[in-house]
Amino acid sequence: MIRRLKILAALAAVAFATTHVLSERNVLAGLAGQAMAQDAKDIDTSMIKEMTLGNPDAAVTVVEYASFTCPHCATFHAGPYKKLKAEYIDPGLINFVYREVYFDRFGLWAGITARCGEDAESRYFGIVEMLYEQQRDWAAGSGAQEIVDRLRKIGKTAGLTDADLDGCFTDGDRAQALYALYLQNSEEDGVRSTPSFVIDGKLHGNMSYAELKALIDEALDG
């Protein structure tokens, strides 16, 4: 069972960003107490939208679990993902689902940045691409303040305003829901490392594009 301790750890990480980086908007007070009464499965995550590309009606669904701070995930998105998109996603052969994994507070903050704004769906995958392309720059900051500043710069490059970002970084309910959904999904699919892929309902670890392609072709043929 997923325990409340994990939720509290995530909230503490977000609270750090709020109280130390955005101290003027410290609206997360009391969230830890709320989380103590709930396990991840009991938290309402309906506000969090599944981010997808490709054909939602395709016979085969490929789910990628990835962390924005994972170097292997950045490598995947720099090469194999581009081939996957060109050969399977854009032609509508598969339904592609991207699910964020939060192994650390910086990955969670990056996820908050990617999903920020009323029209988040329209810019989400563009921000994801920037987060991976610039991972070595923003994730290598000397401290929380510098990392948040760099994430905010990425967000503003994508069209977000300071007001948008302030609101997103201090939305405690949404941060809790994001982390709870990550725990729910990863527990259900048995995800323990990134990147991981669920292809036609079966979990697979990191692999070459040739191996990924073979698995997808097998699922499509089946």
C-alpha atoms as a PDB file:
ATOM      1  CA  MET A   1       0.000   0.000   0.000  1.00  0.00           C
ATOM      2  CA  ILE A   2       1.198   3.499  -0.801  1.00  0.00           C
ATOM      3  CA  ARG A   3       1.589   5.282   2.515  1.00  0.00           C
ATOM      4  CA  ARG A   4       1.074   8.892   3.520  1.00  0.00           C
ATOM      5  CA  LEU A   5       4.771   9.275   4.278  1.00  0.00           C
ATOM      6  CA  LYS A   6       5.509   9.538   0.559  1.00  0.00           C
ATOM      7  CA  ILE A   7       2.850  12.215   0.143  1.00  0.00           C
ATOM      8  CA  LEU A   8       4.323  14.170   3.034  1.00  0.00           C
ATOM      9  CA  ALA A   9       7.783  13.963   1.487  1.00  0.00           C
ATOM     10  CA  ALA A  10       6.472  15.433  -1.749  1.00  0.00           C
ATOM     11  CA  LEU A  11       4.610  18.195   0.029  1.00  0.00           C
ATOM     12  CA  ALA A  12       7.680  19.059   2.033  1.00  0.00           C
ATOM     13  CA  ALA A  13       9.587  19.446  -1.228  1.00  0.00           C
ATOM     14  CA  VAL A  14       6.941  21.734  -2.695  1.00  0.00           C
ATOM     15  CA  ALA A  15       6.675  23.621   0.563  1.00  0.00           C
ATOM     16  CA  PHE A  16      10.420  24.233   0.385  1.00  0.00           C
ATOM     17  CA  ALA A  17       9.992  25.828  -3.023  1.00  0.00           C
ATOM     18  CA  THR A  18       7.153  27.942  -1.720  1.00  0.00           C
ATOM     19  CA  THR A  19       8.513  29.064   1.625  1.00  0.00           C
ATOM     20  CA  HIS A  20      12.127  29.543   0.601  1.00  0.00           C
ATOM     21  CA  VAL A  21      11.872  30.469  -3.056  1.00  0.00           C
ATOM     22  CA  LEU A  22       8.427  32.077  -3.222  1.00  0.00           C
ATOM     23  CA  SER A  23       8.063  33.012   0.432  1.00  0.00           C
ATOM     24  CA  GLU A  24       5.683  35.856  -0.307  1.00  0.00           C
ATOM     25  CA  ARG A  25       3.115  33.291  -1.484  1.00  0.00           C
ATOM     26  CA  ASN A  26       3.323  30.717   1.273  1.00  0.00           C
ATOM     27  CA  VAL A  27      -0.124  29.164   0.799  1.00  0.00           C
ATOM     28  CA  LEU A  28       0.887  25.573   1.527  1.00  0.00           C
ATOM     29  CA  ALA A  29       0.586  25.876   5.302  1.00  0.00           C
ATOM     30  CA  GLY A  30      -1.512  23.061   6.690  1.00  0.00           C
ATOM     31  CA  LEU A  31      -1.216  20.730   3.698  1.00  0.00           C
ATOM     32  CA  ALA A  32       0.974  18.300   5.608  1.00  0.00           C
ATOM     33  CA  GLY A  33      -1.779  17.858   8.164  1.00  0.00           C
ATOM     34  CA  GLN A  34      -4.296  17.228   5.397  1.00  0.00           C
ATOM     35  CA  ALA A  35      -2.049  14.649   3.750  1.00  0.00           C
ATOM     36  CA  MET A  36      -1.535  12.770   7.013  1.00  0.00           C
ATOM     37  CA  ALA A  37      -5.179  11.735   6.880  1.00  0.00           C
ATOM     38  CA  GLN A  38      -4.931  10.425   3.342  1.00  0.00           C
ATOM     39  CA  ASP A  39      -3.098   7.794   1.367  1.00  0.00           C
ATOM     40  CA  ALA A  40      -2.303   8.554  -2.269  1.00  0.00           C
ATOM     41  CA  LYS A  41      -5.235   6.469  -3.472  1.00  0.00           C
ATOM     42  CA  ASP A  42      -7.643   8.601  -1.430  1.00  0.00           C
ATOM     43  CA  ILE A  43      -6.578  11.925  -2.932  1.00  0.00           C
ATOM     44  CA  ASP A  44      -8.709  13.439  -5.683  1.00  0.00           C
ATOM     45  CA  THR A  45      -6.560  13.558  -8.814  1.00  0.00           C
ATOM     46  CA  SER A  46      -9.364  14.342 -11.266  1.00  0.00           C
ATOM     47  CA  MET A  47      -7.923  17.802 -11.901  1.00  0.00           C
ATOM     48  CA  ILE A  48      -4.805  16.261 -13.509  1.00  0.00           C
ATOM     49  CA  LYS A  49      -5.136  15.544 -17.209  1.00  0.00           C
ATOM     50  CA  GLU A  50      -3.415  12.654 -18.966  1.00  0.00           C
ATOM     51  CA  MET A  51      -1.009  14.066 -21.553  1.00  0.00           C
ATOM     52  CA  THR A  52      -1.217  12.211 -24.853  1.00  0.00           C
ATOM     53  CA  LEU A  53      -0.188  12.376 -28.497  1.00  0.00           C
ATOM     54  CA  GLY A  54      -1.106  10.333 -31.535  1.00  0.00           C
ATOM     55  CA  ASN A  55      -4.368   8.504 -32.094  1.00  0.00           C
ATOM     56  CA  PRO A  56      -6.519   8.054 -28.967  1.00  0.00           C
ATOM     57  CA  ASP A  57      -8.469   5.348 -30.803  1.00  0.00           C
ATOM     58  CA  ALA A  58      -5.400   3.349 -31.863  1.00  0.00           C
ATOM     59  CA  ALA A  59      -5.366  -0.338 -31.040  1.00  0.00           C
ATOM     60  CA  VAL A  60      -1.995  -0.014 -29.295  1.00  0.00           C
ATOM     61  CA  THR A  61      -1.143   2.347 -26.442  1.00  0.00           C
ATOM     62  CA  VAL A  62       2.448   3.127 -25.470  1.00  0.00           C
ATOM     63  CA  VAL A  63       2.947   4.728 -22.064  1.00  0.00           C
ATOM     64  CA  GLU A  64       6.271   6.328 -21.216  1.00  0.00           C
ATOM     65  CA  TYR A  65       7.177   6.854 -17.573  1.00  0.00           C
ATOM     66  CA  ALA A  66       9.985   9.395 -17.312  1.00  0.00           C
ATOM     67  CA  SER A  67      11.600  11.840 -14.901  1.00  0.00           C
ATOM     68  CA  PHE A  68      12.654  15.289 -16.015  1.00  0.00           C
ATOM     69  CA  THR A  69      15.873  14.913 -13.986  1.00  0.00           C
ATOM     70  CA  CYS A  70      16.751  11.488 -15.423  1.00  0.00           C
ATOM     71  CA  PRO A  71      19.742  11.588 -17.841  1.00  0.00           C
ATOM     72  CA  HIS A  72      18.606   8.369 -19.551  1.00  0.00           C
ATOM     73  CA  CYS A  73      15.218   9.980 -20.194  1.00  0.00           C
ATOM     74  CA  ALA A  74      16.917  13.010 -21.734  1.00  0.00           C
ATOM     75  CA  THR A  75      18.912  10.663 -23.967  1.00  0.00           C
ATOM     76  CA  PHE A  76      15.736   8.885 -25.033  1.00  0.00           C
ATOM     77  CA  HIS A  77      14.028  12.162 -25.915  1.00  0.00           C
ATOM     78  CA  ALA A  78      17.058  13.410 -27.818  1.00  0.00           C
ATOM     79  CA  GLY A  79      17.018  10.460 -30.223  1.00  0.00           C
ATOM     80  CA  PRO A  80      14.708   7.432 -29.990  1.00  0.00           C
ATOM     81  CA  TYR A  81      11.651   9.514 -29.079  1.00  0.00           C
ATOM     82  CA  LYS A  82      12.012  11.590 -32.245  1.00  0.00           C
ATOM     83  CA  LYS A  83      11.989   8.373 -34.297  1.00  0.00           C
ATOM     84  CA  LEU A  84       9.012   7.064 -32.331  1.00  0.00           C
ATOM     85  CA  LYS A  85       7.122  10.267 -32.981  1.00  0.00           C
ATOM     86  CA  ALA A  86       7.893  10.295 -36.692  1.00  0.00           C
ATOM     87  CA  GLU A  87       7.166   6.599 -37.312  1.00  0.00           C
ATOM     88  CA  TYR A  88       4.296   5.831 -34.948  1.00  0.00           C
ATOM     89  CA  ILE A  89       2.857   8.873 -33.150  1.00  0.00           C
ATOM     90  CA  ASP A  90       2.445  11.388 -35.980  1.00  0.00           C
ATOM     91  CA  PRO A  91       0.995   8.799 -38.421  1.00  0.00           C
ATOM     92  CA  GLY A  92      -1.559   7.867 -35.788  1.00  0.00           C
ATOM     93  CA  LEU A  93      -0.477   4.253 -35.430  1.00  0.00           C
ATOM     94  CA  ILE A  94      -0.371   4.397 -31.635  1.00  0.00           C
ATOM     95  CA  ASN A  95      -1.809   6.271 -28.707  1.00  0.00           C
ATOM     96  CA  PHE A  96       1.169   7.728 -26.824  1.00  0.00           C
ATOM     97  CA  VAL A  97       0.818   8.641 -23.145  1.00  0.00           C
ATOM     98  CA  TYR A  98       3.507  10.519 -21.235  1.00  0.00           C
ATOM     99  CA  ARG A  99       3.508  10.124 -17.446  1.00  0.00           C
ATOM    100  CA  GLU A 100       5.818  12.074 -15.182  1.00  0.00           C
ATOM    101  CA  VAL A 101       7.827  10.338 -12.467  1.00  0.00           C
ATOM    102  CA  TYR A 102       8.865  12.388  -9.449  1.00  0.00           C
ATOM    103  CA  PHE A 103      11.950  10.860  -7.881  1.00  0.00           C
ATOM    104  CA  ASP A 104      13.038  14.233  -6.507  1.00  0.00           C
ATOM    105  CA  ARG A 105      11.644  17.683  -5.791  1.00  0.00           C
ATOM    106  CA  PHE A 106      13.249  19.250  -8.866  1.00  0.00           C
ATOM    107  CA  GLY A 107      11.490  16.792 -11.150  1.00  0.00           C
ATOM    108  CA  LEU A 108       8.204  17.694  -9.490  1.00  0.00           C
ATOM    109  CA  TRP A 109       8.888  21.408  -9.958  1.00  0.00           C
ATOM    110  CA  ALA A 110       9.651  20.749 -13.628  1.00  0.00           C
ATOM    111  CA  GLY A 111       6.347  18.910 -13.971  1.00  0.00           C
ATOM    112  CA  ILE A 112       4.534  21.842 -12.389  1.00  0.00           C
ATOM    113  CA  THR A 113       6.211  24.141 -14.926  1.00  0.00           C
ATOM    114  CA  ALA A 114       5.262  21.935 -17.881  1.00  0.00           C
ATOM    115  CA  ARG A 115       1.616  21.778 -16.809  1.00  0.00           C
ATOM    116  CA  CYS A 116       1.285  25.435 -15.893  1.00  0.00           C
ATOM    117  CA  GLY A 117      -1.308  27.731 -17.429  1.00  0.00           C
ATOM    118  CA  GLU A 118      -4.913  27.544 -18.569  1.00  0.00           C
ATOM    119  CA  ASP A 119      -3.903  26.249 -22.001  1.00  0.00           C
ATOM    120  CA  ALA A 120      -1.271  23.846 -20.669  1.00  0.00           C
ATOM    121  CA  GLU A 121      -2.155  21.094 -23.129  1.00  0.00           C
ATOM    122  CA  SER A 122      -1.182  23.235 -26.110  1.00  0.00           C
ATOM    123  CA  ARG A 123       2.318  23.924 -24.817  1.00  0.00           C
ATOM    124  CA  TYR A 124       2.985  20.865 -22.652  1.00  0.00           C
ATOM    125  CA  PHE A 125       5.058  18.749 -25.025  1.00  0.00           C
ATOM    126  CA  GLY A 126       6.968  21.805 -26.190  1.00  0.00           C
ATOM    127  CA  ILE A 127       8.014  22.497 -22.598  1.00  0.00           C
ATOM    128  CA  VAL A 128       8.831  18.805 -22.106  1.00  0.00           C
ATOM    129  CA  GLU A 129      11.192  19.025 -25.056  1.00  0.00           C
ATOM    130  CA  MET A 130      12.880  22.126 -23.637  1.00  0.00           C
ATOM    131  CA  LEU A 131      13.216  20.533 -20.190  1.00  0.00           C
ATOM    132  CA  TYR A 132      15.080  17.577 -21.657  1.00  0.00           C
ATOM    133  CA  GLU A 133      17.164  19.606 -24.096  1.00  0.00           C
ATOM    134  CA  GLN A 134      18.245  21.952 -21.298  1.00  0.00           C
ATOM    135  CA  GLN A 135      18.358  19.393 -18.499  1.00  0.00           C
ATOM    136  CA  ARG A 136      22.080  19.804 -17.895  1.00  0.00           C
ATOM    137  CA  ASP A 137      21.608  23.538 -17.485  1.00  0.00           C
ATOM    138  CA  TRP A 138      18.525  23.925 -15.302  1.00  0.00           C
ATOM    139  CA  ALA A 139      18.958  20.791 -13.177  1.00  0.00           C
ATOM    140  CA  ALA A 140      22.583  21.642 -12.404  1.00  0.00           C
ATOM    141  CA  GLY A 141      21.754  24.795 -10.486  1.00  0.00           C
ATOM    142  CA  SER A 142      23.673  25.410  -7.286  1.00  0.00           C
ATOM    143  CA  GLY A 143      20.516  25.583  -5.191  1.00  0.00           C
ATOM    144  CA  ALA A 144      16.738  25.629  -5.142  1.00  0.00           C
ATOM    145  CA  GLN A 145      16.487  29.318  -5.966  1.00  0.00           C
ATOM    146  CA  GLU A 146      18.656  28.979  -9.061  1.00  0.00           C
ATOM    147  CA  ILE A 147      16.821  25.879 -10.287  1.00  0.00           C
ATOM    148  CA  VAL A 148      13.408  27.488  -9.883  1.00  0.00           C
ATOM    149  CA  ASP A 149      14.660  30.611 -11.662  1.00  0.00           C
ATOM    150  CA  ARG A 150      15.835  28.482 -14.587  1.00  0.00           C
ATOM    151  CA  LEU A 151      12.544  26.586 -14.709  1.00  0.00           C
ATOM    152  CA  ARG A 152      10.672  29.872 -14.701  1.00  0.00           C
ATOM    153  CA  LYS A 153      12.809  31.042 -17.610  1.00  0.00           C
ATOM    154  CA  ILE A 154      11.822  27.927 -19.594  1.00  0.00           C
ATOM    155  CA  GLY A 155       8.183  28.540 -18.742  1.00  0.00           C
ATOM    156  CA  LYS A 156       8.358  32.173 -19.848  1.00  0.00           C
ATOM    157  CA  THR A 157      10.065  31.154 -23.091  1.00  0.00           C
ATOM    158  CA  ALA A 158       7.004  28.973 -23.734  1.00  0.00           C
ATOM    159  CA  GLY A 159       4.686  31.920 -23.176  1.00  0.00           C
ATOM    160  CA  LEU A 160       3.869  31.748 -19.477  1.00  0.00           C
ATOM    161  CA  THR A 161       3.827  34.900 -17.363  1.00  0.00           C
ATOM    162  CA  ASP A 162       5.300  35.479 -13.913  1.00  0.00           C
ATOM    163  CA  ALA A 163       1.756  35.521 -12.570  1.00  0.00           C
ATOM    164  CA  ASP A 164       1.048  32.156 -14.213  1.00  0.00           C
ATOM    165  CA  LEU A 165       4.162  30.614 -12.709  1.00  0.00           C
ATOM    166  CA  ASP A 166       3.627  32.109  -9.254  1.00  0.00           C
ATOM    167  CA  GLY A 167       0.149  30.635  -9.205  1.00  0.00           C
ATOM    168  CA  CYS A 168       1.310  27.204 -10.339  1.00  0.00           C
ATOM    169  CA  PHE A 169       4.206  26.968  -7.893  1.00  0.00           C
ATOM    170  CA  THR A 170       1.963  27.866  -4.970  1.00  0.00           C
ATOM    171  CA  ASP A 171      -1.013  25.661  -5.824  1.00  0.00           C
ATOM    172  CA  GLY A 172      -0.701  23.109  -3.049  1.00  0.00           C
ATOM    173  CA  ASP A 173      -3.781  21.069  -3.959  1.00  0.00           C
ATOM    174  CA  ARG A 174      -2.542  20.595  -7.508  1.00  0.00           C
ATOM    175  CA  ALA A 175       0.981  19.689  -6.380  1.00  0.00           C
ATOM    176  CA  GLN A 176      -0.448  17.094  -4.020  1.00  0.00           C
ATOM    177  CA  ALA A 177      -2.680  15.691  -6.772  1.00  0.00           C
ATOM    178  CA  LEU A 178       0.244  15.482  -9.205  1.00  0.00           C
ATOM    179  CA  TYR A 179       2.355  13.537  -6.759  1.00  0.00           C
ATOM    180  CA  ALA A 180      -0.511  11.292  -5.693  1.00  0.00           C
ATOM    181  CA  LEU A 181      -1.337  10.421  -9.313  1.00  0.00           C
ATOM    182  CA  TYR A 182       2.304   9.572  -9.972  1.00  0.00           C
ATOM    183  CA  LEU A 183       2.265   7.204  -6.989  1.00  0.00           C
ATOM    184  CA  GLN A 184      -1.021   5.619  -8.059  1.00  0.00           C
ATOM    185  CA  ASN A 185       0.048   5.040 -11.663  1.00  0.00           C
ATOM    186  CA  SER A 186       3.555   3.819 -10.902  1.00  0.00           C
ATOM    187  CA  GLU A 187       2.270   1.437  -8.246  1.00  0.00           C
ATOM    188  CA  GLU A 188      -0.375   0.041 -10.590  1.00  0.00           C
ATOM    189  CA  ASP A 189       2.118  -0.529 -13.415  1.00  0.00           C
ATOM    190  CA  GLY A 190       5.025  -1.601 -11.197  1.00  0.00           C
ATOM    191  CA  VAL A 191       7.351   1.193 -12.351  1.00  0.00           C
ATOM    192  CA  ARG A 192      10.633   1.381 -10.429  1.00  0.00           C
ATOM    193  CA  SER A 193      13.003   3.067 -12.888  1.00  0.00           C
ATOM    194  CA  THR A 194      13.020   5.542 -15.748  1.00  0.00           C
ATOM    195  CA  PRO A 195      12.479   5.520 -18.562  1.00  0.00           C
ATOM    196  CA  SER A 196       9.996   2.665 -18.458  1.00  0.00           C
ATOM    197  CA  PHE A 197       7.426   1.767 -21.086  1.00  0.00           C
ATOM    198  CA  VAL A 198       4.070   0.045 -20.907  1.00  0.00           C
ATOM    199  CA  ILE A 199       3.318  -1.384 -24.349  1.00  0.00           C
ATOM    200  CA  ASP A 200       0.002  -3.051 -24.906  1.00  0.00           C
ATOM    201  CA  GLY A 201      -0.334  -3.417 -21.132  1.00  0.00           C
ATOM    202  CA  LYS A 202       3.125  -4.936 -20.514  1.00  0.00           C
ATOM    203  CA  LEU A 203       5.908  -3.157 -18.608  1.00  0.00           C
ATOM    204  CA  HIS A 204       9.381  -2.832 -20.136  1.00  0.00           C
ATOM    205  CA  GLY A 205      12.526  -1.080 -18.970  1.00  0.00           C
ATOM    206  CA  ASN A 206      14.883   1.193 -20.875  1.00  0.00           C
ATOM    207  CA  MET A 207      15.884  -0.208 -24.252  1.00  0.00           C
ATOM    208  CA  SER A 208      17.250   0.650 -27.671  1.00  0.00           C
ATOM    209  CA  TYR A 209      14.945   2.075 -30.299  1.00  0.00           C
ATOM    210  CA  ALA A 210      15.261  -1.140 -32.311  1.00  0.00           C
ATOM    211  CA  GLU A 211      13.945  -3.131 -29.346  1.00  0.00           C
ATOM    212  CA  LEU A 212      11.150  -0.634 -28.749  1.00  0.00           C
ATOM    213  CA  LYS A 213      10.189  -0.693 -32.403  1.00  0.00           C
ATOM    214  CA  ALA A 214      10.064  -4.502 -32.437  1.00  0.00           C
ATOM    215  CA  LEU A 215       7.753  -4.578 -29.432  1.00  0.00           C
ATOM    216  CA  ILE A 216       5.426  -1.996 -30.955  1.00  0.00           C
ATOM    217  CA  ASP A 217       5.350  -3.789 -34.316  1.00  0.00           C
ATOM    218  CA  GLU A 218       4.559  -7.051 -32.546  1.00  0.00           C
ATOM    219  CA  ALA A 219       1.686  -5.374 -30.689  1.00  0.00           C
ATOM    220  CA  LEU A 220       0.373  -3.815 -33.898  1.00  0.00           C
ATOM    221  CA  ASP A 221       0.519  -7.137 -35.720  1.00  0.00           C
ATOM    222  CA  GLY A 222      -1.247  -8.874 -32.884  1.00  0.00           C
END
